[in-house]
Amino acid sequence: MQHPNPTPARCYKFGQAIGRAIESWDSDLKVVVLGPAACPPVRRERAGFINKKFDLMCMDKIVNEPETLARLSTRELVREAGAQGSEFILWLAMRGALRASDEGT
């Protein structure tokens, strides 16, 4: 990723804006919103840095309380998850695009 990275909050809000744009579109078309290939906590084992407690917290919060993750600073995210943690902001953007009623789907 090109530095400086956008903050987790900015990415989450960007995703919310995308979600509102999709919902406002007057069409019956279905839309798929995707995150990067693999969630950073899943891939990090190959990268040599694992923070299992933080990873499990992220996996829960991305579904149930994404706003909690959006409050993290980029520095906190990298400190807790390593360099690949910065990729997690892309997952926050994806999550922001989903409605609350889409949780768990």
PDB file of N, CA and C in Angstrom:
ATOM      1  N   MET A   1       0.834  -1.173   0.000  1.00  0.00           N
ATOM      2  CA  MET A   1       0.000   0.000   0.000  1.00  0.00           C
ATOM      3  C   MET A   1       0.883   1.241   0.000  1.00  0.00           C
ATOM      4  N   GLN A   2       0.423   2.260  -0.644  1.00  0.00           N
ATOM      5  CA  GLN A   2       1.159   3.516  -0.714  1.00  0.00           C
ATOM      6  C   GLN A   2       0.951   4.297   0.584  1.00  0.00           C
ATOM      7  N   HIS A   3       2.033   4.743   1.193  1.00  0.00           N
ATOM      8  CA  HIS A   3       1.933   5.538   2.420  1.00  0.00           C
ATOM      9  C   HIS A   3       1.845   7.016   2.065  1.00  0.00           C
ATOM     10  N   PRO A   4       1.161   7.854   2.798  1.00  0.00           N
ATOM     11  CA  PRO A   4       0.468   7.504   4.038  1.00  0.00           C
ATOM     12  C   PRO A   4      -0.860   6.806   3.752  1.00  0.00           C
ATOM     13  N   ASN A   5      -1.149   5.798   4.556  1.00  0.00           N
ATOM     14  CA  ASN A   5      -2.406   5.072   4.412  1.00  0.00           C
ATOM     15  C   ASN A   5      -3.570   5.902   4.928  1.00  0.00           C
ATOM     16  N   PRO A   6      -4.746   5.733   4.338  1.00  0.00           N
ATOM     17  CA  PRO A   6      -5.930   6.367   4.923  1.00  0.00           C
ATOM     18  C   PRO A   6      -6.221   5.702   6.268  1.00  0.00           C
ATOM     19  N   THR A   7      -6.859   6.416   7.146  1.00  0.00           N
ATOM     20  CA  THR A   7      -7.167   5.866   8.465  1.00  0.00           C
ATOM     21  C   THR A   7      -8.260   4.805   8.354  1.00  0.00           C
ATOM     22  N   PRO A   8      -8.323   3.915   9.335  1.00  0.00           N
ATOM     23  CA  PRO A   8      -9.430   2.958   9.360  1.00  0.00           C
ATOM     24  C   PRO A   8     -10.795   3.657   9.313  1.00  0.00           C
ATOM     25  N   ALA A   9     -10.949   4.753  10.042  1.00  0.00           N
ATOM     26  CA  ALA A   9     -12.227   5.478  10.047  1.00  0.00           C
ATOM     27  C   ALA A   9     -12.575   5.999   8.656  1.00  0.00           C
ATOM     28  N   ARG A  10     -11.588   6.542   7.965  1.00  0.00           N
ATOM     29  CA  ARG A  10     -11.851   7.073   6.620  1.00  0.00           C
ATOM     30  C   ARG A  10     -12.276   5.955   5.663  1.00  0.00           C
ATOM     31  N   CYS A  11     -11.632   4.808   5.755  1.00  0.00           N
ATOM     32  CA  CYS A  11     -11.992   3.681   4.887  1.00  0.00           C
ATOM     33  C   CYS A  11     -13.394   3.165   5.206  1.00  0.00           C
ATOM     34  N   TYR A  12     -13.734   3.101   6.489  1.00  0.00           N
ATOM     35  CA  TYR A  12     -15.067   2.642   6.875  1.00  0.00           C
ATOM     36  C   TYR A  12     -16.130   3.616   6.365  1.00  0.00           C
ATOM     37  N   LYS A  13     -15.872   4.902   6.519  1.00  0.00           N
ATOM     38  CA  LYS A  13     -16.823   5.911   6.030  1.00  0.00           C
ATOM     39  C   LYS A  13     -16.930   5.877   4.504  1.00  0.00           C
ATOM     40  N   PHE A  14     -15.817   5.644   3.826  1.00  0.00           N
ATOM     41  CA  PHE A  14     -15.838   5.515   2.368  1.00  0.00           C
ATOM     42  C   PHE A  14     -16.733   4.339   1.968  1.00  0.00           C
ATOM     43  N   GLY A  15     -16.581   3.217   2.665  1.00  0.00           N
ATOM     44  CA  GLY A  15     -17.435   2.065   2.399  1.00  0.00           C
ATOM     45  C   GLY A  15     -18.899   2.371   2.650  1.00  0.00           C
ATOM     46  N   GLN A  16     -19.188   3.114   3.714  1.00  0.00           N
ATOM     47  CA  GLN A  16     -20.576   3.502   3.990  1.00  0.00           C
ATOM     48  C   GLN A  16     -21.129   4.348   2.842  1.00  0.00           C
ATOM     49  N   ALA A  17     -20.315   5.252   2.313  1.00  0.00           N
ATOM     50  CA  ALA A  17     -20.753   6.081   1.186  1.00  0.00           C
ATOM     51  C   ALA A  17     -21.050   5.210  -0.039  1.00  0.00           C
ATOM     52  N   ILE A  18     -20.208   4.210  -0.279  1.00  0.00           N
ATOM     53  CA  ILE A  18     -20.463   3.284  -1.385  1.00  0.00           C
ATOM     54  C   ILE A  18     -21.780   2.545  -1.145  1.00  0.00           C
ATOM     55  N   GLY A  19     -22.001   2.090   0.090  1.00  0.00           N
ATOM     56  CA  GLY A  19     -23.240   1.397   0.424  1.00  0.00           C
ATOM     57  C   GLY A  19     -24.471   2.261   0.180  1.00  0.00           C
ATOM     58  N   ARG A  20     -24.397   3.531   0.584  1.00  0.00           N
ATOM     59  CA  ARG A  20     -25.532   4.441   0.346  1.00  0.00           C
ATOM     60  C   ARG A  20     -25.766   4.651  -1.151  1.00  0.00           C
ATOM     61  N   ALA A  21     -24.692   4.755  -1.904  1.00  0.00           N
ATOM     62  CA  ALA A  21     -24.833   4.930  -3.360  1.00  0.00           C
ATOM     63  C   ALA A  21     -25.489   3.704  -3.983  1.00  0.00           C
ATOM     64  N   ILE A  22     -25.096   2.529  -3.555  1.00  0.00           N
ATOM     65  CA  ILE A  22     -25.700   1.301  -4.078  1.00  0.00           C
ATOM     66  C   ILE A  22     -27.178   1.243  -3.731  1.00  0.00           C
ATOM     67  N   GLU A  23     -27.509   1.536  -2.480  1.00  0.00           N
ATOM     68  CA  GLU A  23     -28.913   1.485  -2.046  1.00  0.00           C
ATOM     69  C   GLU A  23     -29.772   2.521  -2.756  1.00  0.00           C
ATOM     70  N   SER A  24     -29.201   3.654  -3.115  1.00  0.00           N
ATOM     71  CA  SER A  24     -29.986   4.712  -3.753  1.00  0.00           C
ATOM     72  C   SER A  24     -30.217   4.455  -5.245  1.00  0.00           C
ATOM     73  N   TRP A  25     -29.509   3.509  -5.801  1.00  0.00           N
ATOM     74  CA  TRP A  25     -29.621   3.212  -7.222  1.00  0.00           C
ATOM     75  C   TRP A  25     -30.956   2.534  -7.479  1.00  0.00           C
ATOM     76  N   ASP A  26     -31.732   3.070  -8.381  1.00  0.00           N
ATOM     77  CA  ASP A  26     -33.067   2.555  -8.691  1.00  0.00           C
ATOM     78  C   ASP A  26     -32.939   1.403  -9.692  1.00  0.00           C
ATOM     79  N   SER A  27     -32.651   0.225  -9.159  1.00  0.00           N
ATOM     80  CA  SER A  27     -32.459  -0.943 -10.014  1.00  0.00           C
ATOM     81  C   SER A  27     -32.674  -2.205  -9.198  1.00  0.00           C
ATOM     82  N   ASP A  28     -33.068  -3.265  -9.872  1.00  0.00           N
ATOM     83  CA  ASP A  28     -33.220  -4.566  -9.225  1.00  0.00           C
ATOM     84  C   ASP A  28     -31.941  -5.399  -9.301  1.00  0.00           C
ATOM     85  N   LEU A  29     -30.882  -4.834  -9.858  1.00  0.00           N
ATOM     86  CA  LEU A  29     -29.632  -5.574  -9.974  1.00  0.00           C
ATOM     87  C   LEU A  29     -29.057  -5.887  -8.600  1.00  0.00           C
ATOM     88  N   LYS A  30     -28.418  -7.021  -8.496  1.00  0.00           N
ATOM     89  CA  LYS A  30     -27.732  -7.406  -7.266  1.00  0.00           C
ATOM     90  C   LYS A  30     -26.289  -6.916  -7.358  1.00  0.00           C
ATOM     91  N   VAL A  31     -25.734  -6.533  -6.219  1.00  0.00           N
ATOM     92  CA  VAL A  31     -24.368  -6.022  -6.165  1.00  0.00           C
ATOM     93  C   VAL A  31     -23.576  -6.859  -5.171  1.00  0.00           C
ATOM     94  N   VAL A  32     -22.365  -7.212  -5.539  1.00  0.00           N
ATOM     95  CA  VAL A  32     -21.461  -7.952  -4.658  1.00  0.00           C
ATOM     96  C   VAL A  32     -20.344  -7.001  -4.249  1.00  0.00           C
ATOM     97  N   VAL A  33     -20.056  -6.948  -2.948  1.00  0.00           N
ATOM     98  CA  VAL A  33     -18.963  -6.132  -2.432  1.00  0.00           C
ATOM     99  C   VAL A  33     -17.947  -7.092  -1.828  1.00  0.00           C
ATOM    100  N   LEU A  34     -16.706  -7.000  -2.274  1.00  0.00           N
ATOM    101  CA  LEU A  34     -15.658  -7.924  -1.852  1.00  0.00           C
ATOM    102  C   LEU A  34     -14.534  -7.203  -1.134  1.00  0.00           C
ATOM    103  N   GLY A  35     -13.901  -7.908  -0.218  1.00  0.00           N
ATOM    104  CA  GLY A  35     -12.672  -7.435   0.401  1.00  0.00           C
ATOM    105  C   GLY A  35     -11.487  -8.072  -0.327  1.00  0.00           C
ATOM    106  N   PRO A  36     -10.267  -7.800   0.119  1.00  0.00           N
ATOM    107  CA  PRO A  36      -9.081  -8.399  -0.509  1.00  0.00           C
ATOM    108  C   PRO A  36      -9.122  -9.927  -0.444  1.00  0.00           C
ATOM    109  N   ALA A  37      -8.218 -10.557  -1.149  1.00  0.00           N
ATOM    110  CA  ALA A  37      -8.215 -12.010  -1.314  1.00  0.00           C
ATOM    111  C   ALA A  37      -8.350 -12.781  -0.001  1.00  0.00           C
ATOM    112  N   ALA A  38      -7.574 -12.449   0.990  1.00  0.00           N
ATOM    113  CA  ALA A  38      -7.652 -13.150   2.282  1.00  0.00           C
ATOM    114  C   ALA A  38      -7.537 -12.123   3.385  1.00  0.00           C
ATOM    115  N   CYS A  39      -8.309 -12.328   4.405  1.00  0.00           N
ATOM    116  CA  CYS A  39      -8.266 -11.420   5.550  1.00  0.00           C
ATOM    117  C   CYS A  39      -6.876 -11.487   6.177  1.00  0.00           C
ATOM    118  N   PRO A  40      -6.242 -10.355   6.479  1.00  0.00           N
ATOM    119  CA  PRO A  40      -4.880 -10.356   7.020  1.00  0.00           C
ATOM    120  C   PRO A  40      -4.654 -11.318   8.189  1.00  0.00           C
ATOM    121  N   PRO A  41      -5.581 -11.461   9.151  1.00  0.00           N
ATOM    122  CA  PRO A  41      -5.288 -12.424  10.218  1.00  0.00           C
ATOM    123  C   PRO A  41      -5.108 -13.849   9.702  1.00  0.00           C
ATOM    124  N   VAL A  42      -5.753 -14.189   8.614  1.00  0.00           N
ATOM    125  CA  VAL A  42      -5.640 -15.540   8.070  1.00  0.00           C
ATOM    126  C   VAL A  42      -4.295 -15.719   7.375  1.00  0.00           C
ATOM    127  N   ARG A  43      -3.805 -14.701   6.691  1.00  0.00           N
ATOM    128  CA  ARG A  43      -2.564 -14.818   5.915  1.00  0.00           C
ATOM    129  C   ARG A  43      -1.319 -14.564   6.735  1.00  0.00           C
ATOM    130  N   ARG A  44      -1.431 -13.932   7.870  1.00  0.00           N
ATOM    131  CA  ARG A  44      -0.257 -13.467   8.592  1.00  0.00           C
ATOM    132  C   ARG A  44       0.662 -14.586   9.048  1.00  0.00           C
ATOM    133  N   GLU A  45       0.142 -15.788   9.210  1.00  0.00           N
ATOM    134  CA  GLU A  45       0.997 -16.895   9.643  1.00  0.00           C
ATOM    135  C   GLU A  45       2.174 -17.079   8.692  1.00  0.00           C
ATOM    136  N   ARG A  46       1.932 -16.906   7.404  1.00  0.00           N
ATOM    137  CA  ARG A  46       3.015 -17.026   6.420  1.00  0.00           C
ATOM    138  C   ARG A  46       3.967 -15.848   6.517  1.00  0.00           C
ATOM    139  N   ALA A  47       3.495 -14.727   7.024  1.00  0.00           N
ATOM    140  CA  ALA A  47       4.332 -13.530   7.103  1.00  0.00           C
ATOM    141  C   ALA A  47       5.182 -13.516   8.374  1.00  0.00           C
ATOM    142  N   GLY A  48       4.935 -14.463   9.296  1.00  0.00           N
ATOM    143  CA  GLY A  48       5.768 -14.570  10.475  1.00  0.00           C
ATOM    144  C   GLY A  48       5.357 -13.708  11.652  1.00  0.00           C
ATOM    145  N   PHE A  49       4.175 -13.081  11.622  1.00  0.00           N
ATOM    146  CA  PHE A  49       3.728 -12.257  12.745  1.00  0.00           C
ATOM    147  C   PHE A  49       2.281 -12.620  13.054  1.00  0.00           C
ATOM    148  N   ILE A  50       2.049 -13.131  14.257  1.00  0.00           N
ATOM    149  CA  ILE A  50       0.698 -13.525  14.646  1.00  0.00           C
ATOM    150  C   ILE A  50       0.382 -12.900  16.001  1.00  0.00           C
ATOM    151  N   ASN A  51      -0.749 -12.242  16.085  1.00  0.00           N
ATOM    152  CA  ASN A  51      -1.281 -11.731  17.349  1.00  0.00           C
ATOM    153  C   ASN A  51      -2.697 -12.312  17.454  1.00  0.00           C
ATOM    154  N   LYS A  52      -2.770 -13.550  17.923  1.00  0.00           N
ATOM    155  CA  LYS A  52      -4.027 -14.295  17.894  1.00  0.00           C
ATOM    156  C   LYS A  52      -5.151 -13.555  18.614  1.00  0.00           C
ATOM    157  N   LYS A  53      -4.869 -12.961  19.754  1.00  0.00           N
ATOM    158  CA  LYS A  53      -5.894 -12.233  20.507  1.00  0.00           C
ATOM    159  C   LYS A  53      -6.473 -11.089  19.662  1.00  0.00           C
ATOM    160  N   PHE A  54      -5.601 -10.324  19.028  1.00  0.00           N
ATOM    161  CA  PHE A  54      -6.044  -9.210  18.188  1.00  0.00           C
ATOM    162  C   PHE A  54      -6.790  -9.727  16.959  1.00  0.00           C
ATOM    163  N   ASP A  55      -6.277 -10.793  16.350  1.00  0.00           N
ATOM    164  CA  ASP A  55      -6.917 -11.372  15.171  1.00  0.00           C
ATOM    165  C   ASP A  55      -8.349 -11.812  15.480  1.00  0.00           C
ATOM    166  N   LEU A  56      -8.527 -12.517  16.601  1.00  0.00           N
ATOM    167  CA  LEU A  56      -9.865 -12.986  16.971  1.00  0.00           C
ATOM    168  C   LEU A  56     -10.793 -11.816  17.262  1.00  0.00           C
ATOM    169  N   MET A  57     -10.266 -10.791  17.906  1.00  0.00           N
ATOM    170  CA  MET A  57     -11.066  -9.594  18.174  1.00  0.00           C
ATOM    171  C   MET A  57     -11.511  -8.961  16.861  1.00  0.00           C
ATOM    172  N   CYS A  58     -10.604  -8.859  15.892  1.00  0.00           N
ATOM    173  CA  CYS A  58     -10.938  -8.259  14.598  1.00  0.00           C
ATOM    174  C   CYS A  58     -11.996  -9.072  13.870  1.00  0.00           C
ATOM    175  N   MET A  59     -11.877 -10.383  13.892  1.00  0.00           N
ATOM    176  CA  MET A  59     -12.846 -11.225  13.206  1.00  0.00           C
ATOM    177  C   MET A  59     -14.237 -11.067  13.808  1.00  0.00           C
ATOM    178  N   ASP A  60     -14.317 -10.874  15.113  1.00  0.00           N
ATOM    179  CA  ASP A  60     -15.614 -10.641  15.754  1.00  0.00           C
ATOM    180  C   ASP A  60     -16.126  -9.233  15.453  1.00  0.00           C
ATOM    181  N   LYS A  61     -15.280  -8.249  15.614  1.00  0.00           N
ATOM    182  CA  LYS A  61     -15.717  -6.849  15.468  1.00  0.00           C
ATOM    183  C   LYS A  61     -16.069  -6.491  14.029  1.00  0.00           C
ATOM    184  N   ILE A  62     -15.424  -7.108  13.044  1.00  0.00           N
ATOM    185  CA  ILE A  62     -15.742  -6.767  11.654  1.00  0.00           C
ATOM    186  C   ILE A  62     -17.192  -7.122  11.348  1.00  0.00           C
ATOM    187  N   VAL A  63     -17.732  -8.107  12.042  1.00  0.00           N
ATOM    188  CA  VAL A  63     -19.132  -8.497  11.863  1.00  0.00           C
ATOM    189  C   VAL A  63     -20.032  -7.711  12.799  1.00  0.00           C
ATOM    190  N   ASN A  64     -19.691  -7.680  14.073  1.00  0.00           N
ATOM    191  CA  ASN A  64     -20.599  -7.180  15.103  1.00  0.00           C
ATOM    192  C   ASN A  64     -20.430  -5.719  15.494  1.00  0.00           C
ATOM    193  N   GLU A  65     -19.225  -5.202  15.437  1.00  0.00           N
ATOM    194  CA  GLU A  65     -18.963  -3.820  15.856  1.00  0.00           C
ATOM    195  C   GLU A  65     -17.856  -3.191  15.009  1.00  0.00           C
ATOM    196  N   PRO A  66     -18.080  -3.006  13.718  1.00  0.00           N
ATOM    197  CA  PRO A  66     -17.010  -2.461  12.879  1.00  0.00           C
ATOM    198  C   PRO A  66     -16.576  -1.060  13.296  1.00  0.00           C
ATOM    199  N   GLU A  67     -17.449  -0.322  13.957  1.00  0.00           N
ATOM    200  CA  GLU A  67     -17.085   1.028  14.409  1.00  0.00           C
ATOM    201  C   GLU A  67     -15.921   0.979  15.394  1.00  0.00           C
ATOM    202  N   THR A  68     -15.835  -0.092  16.174  1.00  0.00           N
ATOM    203  CA  THR A  68     -14.725  -0.259  17.113  1.00  0.00           C
ATOM    204  C   THR A  68     -13.401  -0.324  16.359  1.00  0.00           C
ATOM    205  N   LEU A  69     -13.378  -1.070  15.271  1.00  0.00           N
ATOM    206  CA  LEU A  69     -12.158  -1.169  14.461  1.00  0.00           C
ATOM    207  C   LEU A  69     -11.856   0.147  13.753  1.00  0.00           C
ATOM    208  N   ALA A  70     -12.895   0.848  13.351  1.00  0.00           N
ATOM    209  CA  ALA A  70     -12.704   2.123  12.654  1.00  0.00           C
ATOM    210  C   ALA A  70     -12.047   3.165  13.563  1.00  0.00           C
ATOM    211  N   ARG A  71     -12.172   2.995  14.865  1.00  0.00           N
ATOM    212  CA  ARG A  71     -11.556   3.949  15.801  1.00  0.00           C
ATOM    213  C   ARG A  71     -10.060   3.715  16.000  1.00  0.00           C
ATOM    214  N   LEU A  72      -9.536   2.614  15.492  1.00  0.00           N
ATOM    215  CA  LEU A  72      -8.100   2.361  15.610  1.00  0.00           C
ATOM    216  C   LEU A  72      -7.328   3.338  14.725  1.00  0.00           C
ATOM    217  N   SER A  73      -6.179   3.740  15.175  1.00  0.00           N
ATOM    218  CA  SER A  73      -5.306   4.536  14.309  1.00  0.00           C
ATOM    219  C   SER A  73      -4.512   3.578  13.419  1.00  0.00           C
ATOM    220  N   THR A  74      -3.971   4.088  12.348  1.00  0.00           N
ATOM    221  CA  THR A  74      -3.135   3.264  11.477  1.00  0.00           C
ATOM    222  C   THR A  74      -1.953   2.721  12.260  1.00  0.00           C
ATOM    223  N   ARG A  75      -1.380   3.538  13.112  1.00  0.00           N
ATOM    224  CA  ARG A  75      -0.240   3.112  13.934  1.00  0.00           C
ATOM    225  C   ARG A  75      -0.620   1.965  14.864  1.00  0.00           C
ATOM    226  N   GLU A  76      -1.796   2.066  15.514  1.00  0.00           N
ATOM    227  CA  GLU A  76      -2.256   0.982  16.392  1.00  0.00           C
ATOM    228  C   GLU A  76      -2.457  -0.306  15.606  1.00  0.00           C
ATOM    229  N   LEU A  77      -3.044  -0.172  14.432  1.00  0.00           N
ATOM    230  CA  LEU A  77      -3.318  -1.344  13.605  1.00  0.00           C
ATOM    231  C   LEU A  77      -2.017  -2.048  13.218  1.00  0.00           C
ATOM    232  N   VAL A  78      -1.027  -1.303  12.789  1.00  0.00           N
ATOM    233  CA  VAL A  78       0.249  -1.896  12.403  1.00  0.00           C
ATOM    234  C   VAL A  78       0.976  -2.451  13.624  1.00  0.00           C
ATOM    235  N   ARG A  79       0.906  -1.768  14.759  1.00  0.00           N
ATOM    236  CA  ARG A  79       1.552  -2.266  15.983  1.00  0.00           C
ATOM    237  C   ARG A  79       0.967  -3.614  16.404  1.00  0.00           C
ATOM    238  N   GLU A  80      -0.353  -3.742  16.329  1.00  0.00           N
ATOM    239  CA  GLU A  80      -1.025  -4.962  16.783  1.00  0.00           C
ATOM    240  C   GLU A  80      -1.002  -6.084  15.749  1.00  0.00           C
ATOM    241  N   ALA A  81      -0.951  -5.731  14.470  1.00  0.00           N
ATOM    242  CA  ALA A  81      -1.111  -6.746  13.426  1.00  0.00           C
ATOM    243  C   ALA A  81       0.058  -6.816  12.454  1.00  0.00           C
ATOM    244  N   GLY A  82       1.074  -6.009  12.636  1.00  0.00           N
ATOM    245  CA  GLY A  82       2.186  -6.023  11.703  1.00  0.00           C
ATOM    246  C   GLY A  82       1.862  -5.232  10.443  1.00  0.00           C
ATOM    247  N   ALA A  83       2.785  -5.240   9.513  1.00  0.00           N
ATOM    248  CA  ALA A  83       2.627  -4.450   8.288  1.00  0.00           C
ATOM    249  C   ALA A  83       1.389  -4.851   7.502  1.00  0.00           C
ATOM    250  N   GLN A  84       1.035  -6.143   7.522  1.00  0.00           N
ATOM    251  CA  GLN A  84      -0.151  -6.566   6.786  1.00  0.00           C
ATOM    252  C   GLN A  84      -1.435  -6.066   7.434  1.00  0.00           C
ATOM    253  N   GLY A  85      -1.353  -5.602   8.670  1.00  0.00           N
ATOM    254  CA  GLY A  85      -2.534  -5.048   9.325  1.00  0.00           C
ATOM    255  C   GLY A  85      -3.080  -3.846   8.586  1.00  0.00           C
ATOM    256  N   SER A  86      -2.206  -3.154   7.871  1.00  0.00           N
ATOM    257  CA  SER A  86      -2.699  -1.994   7.128  1.00  0.00           C
ATOM    258  C   SER A  86      -3.656  -2.413   6.014  1.00  0.00           C
ATOM    259  N   GLU A  87      -3.554  -3.660   5.557  1.00  0.00           N
ATOM    260  CA  GLU A  87      -4.487  -4.153   4.550  1.00  0.00           C
ATOM    261  C   GLU A  87      -5.895  -4.299   5.116  1.00  0.00           C
ATOM    262  N   PHE A  88      -5.989  -4.410   6.423  1.00  0.00           N
ATOM    263  CA  PHE A  88      -7.298  -4.600   7.058  1.00  0.00           C
ATOM    264  C   PHE A  88      -8.232  -3.419   6.801  1.00  0.00           C
ATOM    265  N   ILE A  89      -7.670  -2.242   6.513  1.00  0.00           N
ATOM    266  CA  ILE A  89      -8.529  -1.088   6.219  1.00  0.00           C
ATOM    267  C   ILE A  89      -9.386  -1.332   4.988  1.00  0.00           C
ATOM    268  N   LEU A  90      -8.913  -2.175   4.074  1.00  0.00           N
ATOM    269  CA  LEU A  90      -9.717  -2.520   2.899  1.00  0.00           C
ATOM    270  C   LEU A  90     -10.931  -3.356   3.304  1.00  0.00           C
ATOM    271  N   TRP A  91     -10.743  -4.203   4.304  1.00  0.00           N
ATOM    272  CA  TRP A  91     -11.877  -4.974   4.834  1.00  0.00           C
ATOM    273  C   TRP A  91     -12.871  -4.046   5.512  1.00  0.00           C
ATOM    274  N   LEU A  92     -12.371  -3.009   6.174  1.00  0.00           N
ATOM    275  CA  LEU A  92     -13.285  -2.043   6.801  1.00  0.00           C
ATOM    276  C   LEU A  92     -14.102  -1.299   5.754  1.00  0.00           C
ATOM    277  N   ALA A  93     -13.483  -0.975   4.633  1.00  0.00           N
ATOM    278  CA  ALA A  93     -14.233  -0.320   3.554  1.00  0.00           C
ATOM    279  C   ALA A  93     -15.331  -1.248   3.042  1.00  0.00           C
ATOM    280  N   MET A  94     -14.989  -2.514   2.850  1.00  0.00           N
ATOM    281  CA  MET A  94     -15.978  -3.491   2.400  1.00  0.00           C
ATOM    282  C   MET A  94     -17.108  -3.606   3.418  1.00  0.00           C
ATOM    283  N   ARG A  95     -16.754  -3.682   4.689  1.00  0.00           N
ATOM    284  CA  ARG A  95     -17.771  -3.827   5.732  1.00  0.00           C
ATOM    285  C   ARG A  95     -18.662  -2.603   5.828  1.00  0.00           C
ATOM    286  N   GLY A  96     -18.093  -1.428   5.617  1.00  0.00           N
ATOM    287  CA  GLY A  96     -18.863  -0.204   5.642  1.00  0.00           C
ATOM    288  C   GLY A  96     -19.950  -0.172   4.567  1.00  0.00           C
ATOM    289  N   ALA A  97     -19.690  -0.835   3.444  1.00  0.00           N
ATOM    290  CA  ALA A  97     -20.664  -0.848   2.348  1.00  0.00           C
ATOM    291  C   ALA A  97     -21.863  -1.731   2.641  1.00  0.00           C
ATOM    292  N   LEU A  98     -21.744  -2.615   3.616  1.00  0.00           N
ATOM    293  CA  LEU A  98     -22.849  -3.516   3.942  1.00  0.00           C
ATOM    294  C   LEU A  98     -23.806  -2.855   4.931  1.00  0.00           C
ATOM    295  N   ARG A  99     -25.084  -3.143   4.750  1.00  0.00           N
ATOM    296  CA  ARG A  99     -26.081  -2.668   5.712  1.00  0.00           C
ATOM    297  C   ARG A  99     -25.976  -3.493   6.985  1.00  0.00           C
ATOM    298  N   ALA A 100     -26.475  -2.951   8.075  1.00  0.00           N
ATOM    299  CA  ALA A 100     -26.504  -3.695   9.339  1.00  0.00           C
ATOM    300  C   ALA A 100     -27.268  -4.997   9.169  1.00  0.00           C
ATOM    301  N   SER A 101     -28.315  -4.991   8.346  1.00  0.00           N
ATOM    302  CA  SER A 101     -29.109  -6.197   8.130  1.00  0.00           C
ATOM    303  C   SER A 101     -28.343  -7.260   7.344  1.00  0.00           C
ATOM    304  N   ASP A 102     -27.188  -6.885   6.751  1.00  0.00           N
ATOM    305  CA  ASP A 102     -26.383  -7.829   5.988  1.00  0.00           C
ATOM    306  C   ASP A 102     -25.393  -8.572   6.864  1.00  0.00           C
ATOM    307  N   GLU A 103     -25.311  -8.231   8.146  1.00  0.00           N
ATOM    308  CA  GLU A 103     -24.324  -8.833   9.024  1.00  0.00           C
ATOM    309  C   GLU A 103     -24.452 -10.337   9.021  1.00  0.00           C
ATOM    310  N   GLY A 104     -23.325 -10.988   8.917  1.00  0.00           N
ATOM    311  CA  GLY A 104     -23.277 -12.437   8.979  1.00  0.00           C
ATOM    312  C   GLY A 104     -23.629 -13.123   7.675  1.00  0.00           C
ATOM    313  N   THR A 105     -23.836 -12.360   6.601  1.00  0.00           N
ATOM    314  CA  THR A 105     -24.170 -12.989   5.321  1.00  0.00           C
ATOM    315  C   THR A 105     -23.011 -12.877   4.367  1.00  0.00           C
TER     316      THR A 105
END
